[in-house]
Amino acid sequence: MNRATMPIEIRSVHIAAINLDSFMAIIKTSYSVY
């Protein structure tokens, strides 16, 4: 349980986590660049 407090996270070069929050950030960034 103590080990599980740190979840398994897949990251882009250890910076951005691959999750739905990152997906929304990409959409928002794309709209800003647009």
All heavy atoms as atom14 arrays in JSON, in Angstrom:
{
  "sequence": "MNRATMPIEIRSVHIAAINLDSFMAIIKTSYSVY",
  "atom14_mask": [
    [1, 1, 1, 1, 1, 1, 1, 1, 0, 0, 0, 0, 0, 0],
    [1, 1, 1, 1, 1, 1, 1, 1, 0, 0, 0, 0, 0, 0],
    [1, 1, 1, 1, 1, 1, 1, 1, 1, 1, 1, 0, 0, 0],
    [1, 1, 1, 1, 1, 0, 0, 0, 0, 0, 0, 0, 0, 0],
    [1, 1, 1, 1, 1, 1, 1, 0, 0, 0, 0, 0, 0, 0],
    [1, 1, 1, 1, 1, 1, 1, 1, 0, 0, 0, 0, 0, 0],
    [1, 1, 1, 1, 1, 1, 1, 0, 0, 0, 0, 0, 0, 0],
    [1, 1, 1, 1, 1, 1, 1, 1, 0, 0, 0, 0, 0, 0],
    [1, 1, 1, 1, 1, 1, 1, 1, 1, 0, 0, 0, 0, 0],
    [1, 1, 1, 1, 1, 1, 1, 1, 0, 0, 0, 0, 0, 0],
    [1, 1, 1, 1, 1, 1, 1, 1, 1, 1, 1, 0, 0, 0],
    [1, 1, 1, 1, 1, 1, 0, 0, 0, 0, 0, 0, 0, 0],
    [1, 1, 1, 1, 1, 1, 1, 0, 0, 0, 0, 0, 0, 0],
    [1, 1, 1, 1, 1, 1, 1, 1, 1, 1, 0, 0, 0, 0],
    [1, 1, 1, 1, 1, 1, 1, 1, 0, 0, 0, 0, 0, 0],
    [1, 1, 1, 1, 1, 0, 0, 0, 0, 0, 0, 0, 0, 0],
    [1, 1, 1, 1, 1, 0, 0, 0, 0, 0, 0, 0, 0, 0],
    [1, 1, 1, 1, 1, 1, 1, 1, 0, 0, 0, 0, 0, 0],
    [1, 1, 1, 1, 1, 1, 1, 1, 0, 0, 0, 0, 0, 0],
    [1, 1, 1, 1, 1, 1, 1, 1, 0, 0, 0, 0, 0, 0],
    [1, 1, 1, 1, 1, 1, 1, 1, 0, 0, 0, 0, 0, 0],
    [1, 1, 1, 1, 1, 1, 0, 0, 0, 0, 0, 0, 0, 0],
    [1, 1, 1, 1, 1, 1, 1, 1, 1, 1, 1, 0, 0, 0],
    [1, 1, 1, 1, 1, 1, 1, 1, 0, 0, 0, 0, 0, 0],
    [1, 1, 1, 1, 1, 0, 0, 0, 0, 0, 0, 0, 0, 0],
    [1, 1, 1, 1, 1, 1, 1, 1, 0, 0, 0, 0, 0, 0],
    [1, 1, 1, 1, 1, 1, 1, 1, 0, 0, 0, 0, 0, 0],
    [1, 1, 1, 1, 1, 1, 1, 1, 1, 0, 0, 0, 0, 0],
    [1, 1, 1, 1, 1, 1, 1, 0, 0, 0, 0, 0, 0, 0],
    [1, 1, 1, 1, 1, 1, 0, 0, 0, 0, 0, 0, 0, 0],
    [1, 1, 1, 1, 1, 1, 1, 1, 1, 1, 1, 1, 0, 0],
    [1, 1, 1, 1, 1, 1, 0, 0, 0, 0, 0, 0, 0, 0],
    [1, 1, 1, 1, 1, 1, 1, 0, 0, 0, 0, 0, 0, 0],
    [1, 1, 1, 1, 1, 1, 1, 1, 1, 1, 1, 1, 0, 0]
  ],
  "atom14_positions": [
    [[0.82, -1.2, 0.0], [0.0, 0.0, 0.0], [0.86, 1.26, 0.0], [0.53, 2.26, -0.66], [-0.94, 0.0, 1.2], [-1.99, -1.1, 1.16], [-3.01, -1.21, 2.65], [-4.01, 0.27, 2.47], [0.0, 0.0, 0.0], [0.0, 0.0, 0.0], [0.0, 0.0, 0.0], [0.0, 0.0, 0.0], [0.0, 0.0, 0.0], [0.0, 0.0, 0.0]],
    [[1.96, 1.22, 0.74], [2.86, 2.37, 0.76], [3.49, 2.6, -0.61], [3.61, 3.74, -1.08], [3.95, 2.15, 1.81], [4.87, 3.35, 1.94], [4.44, 4.45, 2.28], [6.16, 3.14, 1.67], [0.0, 0.0, 0.0], [0.0, 0.0, 0.0], [0.0, 0.0, 0.0], [0.0, 0.0, 0.0], [0.0, 0.0, 0.0], [0.0, 0.0, 0.0]],
    [[3.86, 1.5, -1.29], [4.42, 1.61, -2.64], [3.38, 2.14, -3.62], [3.7, 2.87, -4.56], [4.93, 0.24, -3.1], [5.51, 0.23, -4.51], [6.8, 1.02, -4.54], [7.39, 1.03, -5.87], [7.12, 1.95, -6.81], [6.23, 2.89, -6.55], [7.72, 1.91, -7.96], [0.0, 0.0, 0.0], [0.0, 0.0, 0.0], [0.0, 0.0, 0.0]],
    [[2.13, 1.79, -3.38], [1.06, 2.17, -4.31], [0.68, 3.65, -4.21], [-0.11, 4.13, -5.03], [-0.17, 1.31, -4.06], [0.0, 0.0, 0.0], [0.0, 0.0, 0.0], [0.0, 0.0, 0.0], [0.0, 0.0, 0.0], [0.0, 0.0, 0.0], [0.0, 0.0, 0.0], [0.0, 0.0, 0.0], [0.0, 0.0, 0.0], [0.0, 0.0, 0.0]],
    [[1.21, 4.36, -3.22], [0.91, 5.8, -3.15], [1.52, 6.56, -4.32], [1.08, 7.67, -4.65], [1.44, 6.39, -1.82], [2.86, 6.13, -1.72], [0.73, 5.78, -0.63], [0.0, 0.0, 0.0], [0.0, 0.0, 0.0], [0.0, 0.0, 0.0], [0.0, 0.0, 0.0], [0.0, 0.0, 0.0], [0.0, 0.0, 0.0], [0.0, 0.0, 0.0]],
    [[2.53, 5.97, -4.96], [3.11, 6.53, -6.18], [2.62, 5.7, -7.36], [3.07, 4.58, -7.55], [4.65, 6.51, -6.11], [5.21, 7.4, -5.01], [4.92, 9.16, -5.34], [6.0, 9.4, -6.74], [0.0, 0.0, 0.0], [0.0, 0.0, 0.0], [0.0, 0.0, 0.0], [0.0, 0.0, 0.0], [0.0, 0.0, 0.0], [0.0, 0.0, 0.0]],
    [[1.67, 6.21, -8.14], [1.07, 5.39, -9.21], [2.04, 5.16, -10.37], [3.07, 5.85, -10.49], [-0.12, 6.24, -9.66], [0.29, 7.65, -9.36], [1.1, 7.56, -8.09], [0.0, 0.0, 0.0], [0.0, 0.0, 0.0], [0.0, 0.0, 0.0], [0.0, 0.0, 0.0], [0.0, 0.0, 0.0], [0.0, 0.0, 0.0], [0.0, 0.0, 0.0]],
    [[1.71, 4.22, -11.22], [2.47, 3.98, -12.44], [2.08, 5.06, -13.45], [0.91, 5.16, -13.82], [2.17, 2.59, -13.04], [2.49, 1.5, -12.02], [2.96, 2.37, -14.32], [2.06, 0.11, -12.47], [0.0, 0.0, 0.0], [0.0, 0.0, 0.0], [0.0, 0.0, 0.0], [0.0, 0.0, 0.0], [0.0, 0.0, 0.0], [0.0, 0.0, 0.0]],
    [[3.04, 5.86, -13.85], [2.75, 6.94, -14.8], [3.71, 6.86, -15.98], [4.92, 6.73, -15.79], [2.86, 8.32, -14.14], [1.64, 8.67, -13.31], [1.56, 10.16, -13.02], [2.59, 10.74, -12.64], [0.46, 10.73, -13.17], [0.0, 0.0, 0.0], [0.0, 0.0, 0.0], [0.0, 0.0, 0.0], [0.0, 0.0, 0.0], [0.0, 0.0, 0.0]],
    [[3.15, 6.93, -17.16], [3.95, 6.98, -18.38], [4.14, 8.44, -18.74], [3.17, 9.2, -18.81], [3.25, 6.23, -19.53], [2.82, 4.83, -19.08], [4.14, 6.17, -20.76], [3.97, 3.94, -18.66], [0.0, 0.0, 0.0], [0.0, 0.0, 0.0], [0.0, 0.0, 0.0], [0.0, 0.0, 0.0], [0.0, 0.0, 0.0], [0.0, 0.0, 0.0]],
    [[5.39, 8.83, -18.97], [5.68, 10.25, -19.2], [6.42, 10.47, -20.51], [7.13, 9.59, -20.99], [6.51, 10.84, -18.05], [5.75, 10.91, -16.74], [6.58, 11.54, -15.64], [5.77, 11.78, -14.45], [5.05, 12.88, -14.25], [5.06, 13.85, -15.15], [4.34, 13.03, -13.15], [0.0, 0.0, 0.0], [0.0, 0.0, 0.0], [0.0, 0.0, 0.0]],
    [[6.23, 11.66, -21.06], [6.96, 12.08, -22.25], [8.27, 12.71, -21.8], [8.27, 13.83, -21.27], [6.12, 13.1, -23.04], [6.86, 13.67, -24.08], [0.0, 0.0, 0.0], [0.0, 0.0, 0.0], [0.0, 0.0, 0.0], [0.0, 0.0, 0.0], [0.0, 0.0, 0.0], [0.0, 0.0, 0.0], [0.0, 0.0, 0.0], [0.0, 0.0, 0.0]],
    [[9.38, 11.96, -22.0], [10.73, 12.34, -21.53], [10.67, 12.87, -20.09], [11.3, 13.87, -19.75], [11.41, 13.36, -22.47], [11.78, 12.74, -23.78], [10.54, 14.61, -22.71], [0.0, 0.0, 0.0], [0.0, 0.0, 0.0], [0.0, 0.0, 0.0], [0.0, 0.0, 0.0], [0.0, 0.0, 0.0], [0.0, 0.0, 0.0], [0.0, 0.0, 0.0]],
    [[9.89, 12.19, -19.24], [9.79, 12.47, -17.8], [9.25, 13.87, -17.5], [9.49, 14.41, -16.42], [11.17, 12.3, -17.14], [11.8, 10.97, -17.41], [11.29, 9.79, -16.92], [12.88, 10.63, -18.16], [12.05, 8.77, -17.33], [13.0, 9.26, -18.1], [0.0, 0.0, 0.0], [0.0, 0.0, 0.0], [0.0, 0.0, 0.0], [0.0, 0.0, 0.0]],
    [[8.52, 14.47, -18.42], [7.97, 15.81, -18.19], [6.46, 15.76, -18.12], [5.86, 16.0, -17.08], [8.44, 16.79, -19.3], [9.97, 16.89, -19.31], [7.81, 18.16, -19.09], [10.51, 17.72, -20.45], [0.0, 0.0, 0.0], [0.0, 0.0, 0.0], [0.0, 0.0, 0.0], [0.0, 0.0, 0.0], [0.0, 0.0, 0.0], [0.0, 0.0, 0.0]],
    [[5.8, 15.46, -19.23], [4.34, 15.45, -19.3], [3.82, 14.03, -19.12], [4.26, 13.11, -19.81], [3.86, 16.02, -20.64], [0.0, 0.0, 0.0], [0.0, 0.0, 0.0], [0.0, 0.0, 0.0], [0.0, 0.0, 0.0], [0.0, 0.0, 0.0], [0.0, 0.0, 0.0], [0.0, 0.0, 0.0], [0.0, 0.0, 0.0], [0.0, 0.0, 0.0]],
    [[2.91, 13.85, -18.18], [2.3, 12.54, -17.95], [1.3, 12.24, -19.07], [0.64, 13.14, -19.58], [1.61, 12.51, -16.6], [0.0, 0.0, 0.0], [0.0, 0.0, 0.0], [0.0, 0.0, 0.0], [0.0, 0.0, 0.0], [0.0, 0.0, 0.0], [0.0, 0.0, 0.0], [0.0, 0.0, 0.0], [0.0, 0.0, 0.0], [0.0, 0.0, 0.0]],
    [[1.23, 10.97, -19.45], [0.3, 10.55, -20.5], [-1.03, 10.21, -19.84], [-1.26, 9.08, -19.4], [0.86, 9.33, -21.27], [2.29, 9.59, -21.72], [-0.03, 9.02, -22.47], [2.46, 10.82, -22.57], [0.0, 0.0, 0.0], [0.0, 0.0, 0.0], [0.0, 0.0, 0.0], [0.0, 0.0, 0.0], [0.0, 0.0, 0.0], [0.0, 0.0, 0.0]],
    [[-1.92, 11.19, -19.74], [-3.24, 10.99, -19.17], [-4.23, 11.96, -19.81], [-3.86, 12.73, -20.71], [-3.21, 11.14, -17.64], [-2.55, 12.45, -17.21], [-2.79, 13.5, -17.82], [-1.73, 12.39, -16.18], [0.0, 0.0, 0.0], [0.0, 0.0, 0.0], [0.0, 0.0, 0.0], [0.0, 0.0, 0.0], [0.0, 0.0, 0.0], [0.0, 0.0, 0.0]],
    [[-5.46, 11.94, -19.35], [-6.5, 12.78, -19.96], [-6.26, 14.26, -19.72], [-6.67, 15.11, -20.52], [-7.88, 12.36, -19.44], [-8.34, 10.96, -19.87], [-9.71, 10.66, -19.29], [-8.36, 10.84, -21.39], [0.0, 0.0, 0.0], [0.0, 0.0, 0.0], [0.0, 0.0, 0.0], [0.0, 0.0, 0.0], [0.0, 0.0, 0.0], [0.0, 0.0, 0.0]],
    [[-5.58, 14.61, -18.61], [-5.23, 16.01, -18.38], [-4.27, 16.52, -19.46], [-4.4, 17.66, -19.93], [-4.59, 16.18, -17.0], [-5.59, 15.94, -15.87], [-6.8, 16.13, -16.1], [-5.15, 15.57, -14.76], [0.0, 0.0, 0.0], [0.0, 0.0, 0.0], [0.0, 0.0, 0.0], [0.0, 0.0, 0.0], [0.0, 0.0, 0.0], [0.0, 0.0, 0.0]],
    [[-3.33, 15.68, -19.84], [-2.4, 16.05, -20.91], [-3.12, 16.19, -22.24], [-2.79, 17.05, -23.05], [-1.29, 15.0, -21.02], [-0.51, 14.96, -19.84], [0.0, 0.0, 0.0], [0.0, 0.0, 0.0], [0.0, 0.0, 0.0], [0.0, 0.0, 0.0], [0.0, 0.0, 0.0], [0.0, 0.0, 0.0], [0.0, 0.0, 0.0], [0.0, 0.0, 0.0]],
    [[-4.11, 15.32, -22.48], [-4.9, 15.42, -23.71], [-5.6, 16.77, -23.8], [-5.57, 17.43, -24.84], [-5.91, 14.28, -23.77], [-6.87, 14.38, -24.93], [-6.44, 14.1, -26.22], [-8.18, 14.76, -24.73], [-7.31, 14.2, -27.3], [-9.06, 14.85, -25.8], [-8.63, 14.57, -27.08], [0.0, 0.0, 0.0], [0.0, 0.0, 0.0], [0.0, 0.0, 0.0]],
    [[-6.23, 17.18, -22.7], [-6.9, 18.48, -22.69], [-5.9, 19.62, -22.84], [-6.2, 20.62, -23.51], [-7.69, 18.65, -21.39], [-8.85, 17.68, -21.22], [-10.0, 17.72, -22.62], [-10.51, 19.43, -22.6], [0.0, 0.0, 0.0], [0.0, 0.0, 0.0], [0.0, 0.0, 0.0], [0.0, 0.0, 0.0], [0.0, 0.0, 0.0], [0.0, 0.0, 0.0]],
    [[-4.71, 19.46, -22.27], [-3.67, 20.5, -22.42], [-3.23, 20.63, -23.87], [-2.99, 21.74, -24.37], [-2.48, 20.16, -21.52], [0.0, 0.0, 0.0], [0.0, 0.0, 0.0], [0.0, 0.0, 0.0], [0.0, 0.0, 0.0], [0.0, 0.0, 0.0], [0.0, 0.0, 0.0], [0.0, 0.0, 0.0], [0.0, 0.0, 0.0], [0.0, 0.0, 0.0]],
    [[-3.13, 19.48, -24.58], [-2.75, 19.52, -26.0], [-3.82, 20.24, -26.83], [-3.51, 21.06, -27.69], [-2.53, 18.09, -26.53], [-1.25, 17.51, -25.94], [-2.46, 18.06, -28.05], [-1.03, 16.06, -26.28], [0.0, 0.0, 0.0], [0.0, 0.0, 0.0], [0.0, 0.0, 0.0], [0.0, 0.0, 0.0], [0.0, 0.0, 0.0], [0.0, 0.0, 0.0]],
    [[-5.09, 19.93, -26.56], [-6.18, 20.58, -27.3], [-6.17, 22.08, -27.04], [-6.32, 22.9, -27.98], [-7.54, 19.97, -26.89], [-7.58, 18.47, -27.23], [-8.68, 20.71, -27.58], [-7.4, 18.16, -28.7], [0.0, 0.0, 0.0], [0.0, 0.0, 0.0], [0.0, 0.0, 0.0], [0.0, 0.0, 0.0], [0.0, 0.0, 0.0], [0.0, 0.0, 0.0]],
    [[-5.97, 22.48, -25.78], [-5.95, 23.91, -25.45], [-4.75, 24.6, -26.1], [-4.86, 25.72, -26.6], [-5.91, 24.09, -23.93], [-7.2, 23.69, -23.23], [-7.07, 23.84, -21.72], [-8.36, 23.42, -21.02], [-8.24, 23.51, -19.53], [0.0, 0.0, 0.0], [0.0, 0.0, 0.0], [0.0, 0.0, 0.0], [0.0, 0.0, 0.0], [0.0, 0.0, 0.0]],
    [[-3.58, 23.93, -26.06], [-2.38, 24.51, -26.69], [-2.57, 24.66, -28.19], [-2.2, 25.69, -28.78], [-1.16, 23.62, -26.41], [-0.98, 23.49, -25.0], [0.1, 24.22, -27.02], [0.0, 0.0, 0.0], [0.0, 0.0, 0.0], [0.0, 0.0, 0.0], [0.0, 0.0, 0.0], [0.0, 0.0, 0.0], [0.0, 0.0, 0.0], [0.0, 0.0, 0.0]],
    [[-3.16, 23.66, -28.83], [-3.42, 23.72, -30.27], [-4.34, 24.88, -30.61], [-4.12, 25.6, -31.58], [-4.03, 22.4, -30.75], [-3.17, 21.32, -30.49], [0.0, 0.0, 0.0], [0.0, 0.0, 0.0], [0.0, 0.0, 0.0], [0.0, 0.0, 0.0], [0.0, 0.0, 0.0], [0.0, 0.0, 0.0], [0.0, 0.0, 0.0], [0.0, 0.0, 0.0]],
    [[-5.37, 25.08, -29.77], [-6.3, 26.18, -30.02], [-5.6, 27.53, -29.84], [-5.86, 28.48, -30.59], [-7.49, 26.06, -29.08], [-8.55, 27.12, -29.31], [-9.37, 27.06, -30.45], [-8.72, 28.17, -28.41], [-10.33, 28.03, -30.67], [-9.67, 29.14, -28.63], [-10.49, 29.07, -29.77], [-11.43, 30.03, -29.99], [0.0, 0.0, 0.0], [0.0, 0.0, 0.0]],
    [[-4.7, 27.61, -28.84], [-3.97, 28.87, -28.62], [-3.06, 29.19, -29.81], [-3.0, 30.33, -30.27], [-3.14, 28.77, -27.33], [-3.96, 28.55, -26.21], [0.0, 0.0, 0.0], [0.0, 0.0, 0.0], [0.0, 0.0, 0.0], [0.0, 0.0, 0.0], [0.0, 0.0, 0.0], [0.0, 0.0, 0.0], [0.0, 0.0, 0.0], [0.0, 0.0, 0.0]],
    [[-2.37, 28.17, -30.32], [-1.49, 28.37, -31.49], [-2.32, 28.75, -32.71], [-1.92, 29.61, -33.52], [-0.65, 27.11, -31.76], [0.16, 27.27, -33.04], [0.27, 26.82, -30.58], [0.0, 0.0, 0.0], [0.0, 0.0, 0.0], [0.0, 0.0, 0.0], [0.0, 0.0, 0.0], [0.0, 0.0, 0.0], [0.0, 0.0, 0.0], [0.0, 0.0, 0.0]],
    [[-3.49, 28.13, -32.84], [-4.4, 28.47, -33.94], [-4.78, 29.95, -33.9], [-4.82, 30.64, -34.92], [-5.64, 27.59, -33.89], [-6.85, 28.19, -34.57], [-6.92, 28.27, -35.96], [-7.92, 28.67, -33.82], [-8.02, 28.82, -36.59], [-9.02, 29.21, -34.44], [-9.07, 29.29, -35.81], [-10.16, 29.83, -36.42], [0.0, 0.0, 0.0], [0.0, 0.0, 0.0]]
  ]
}
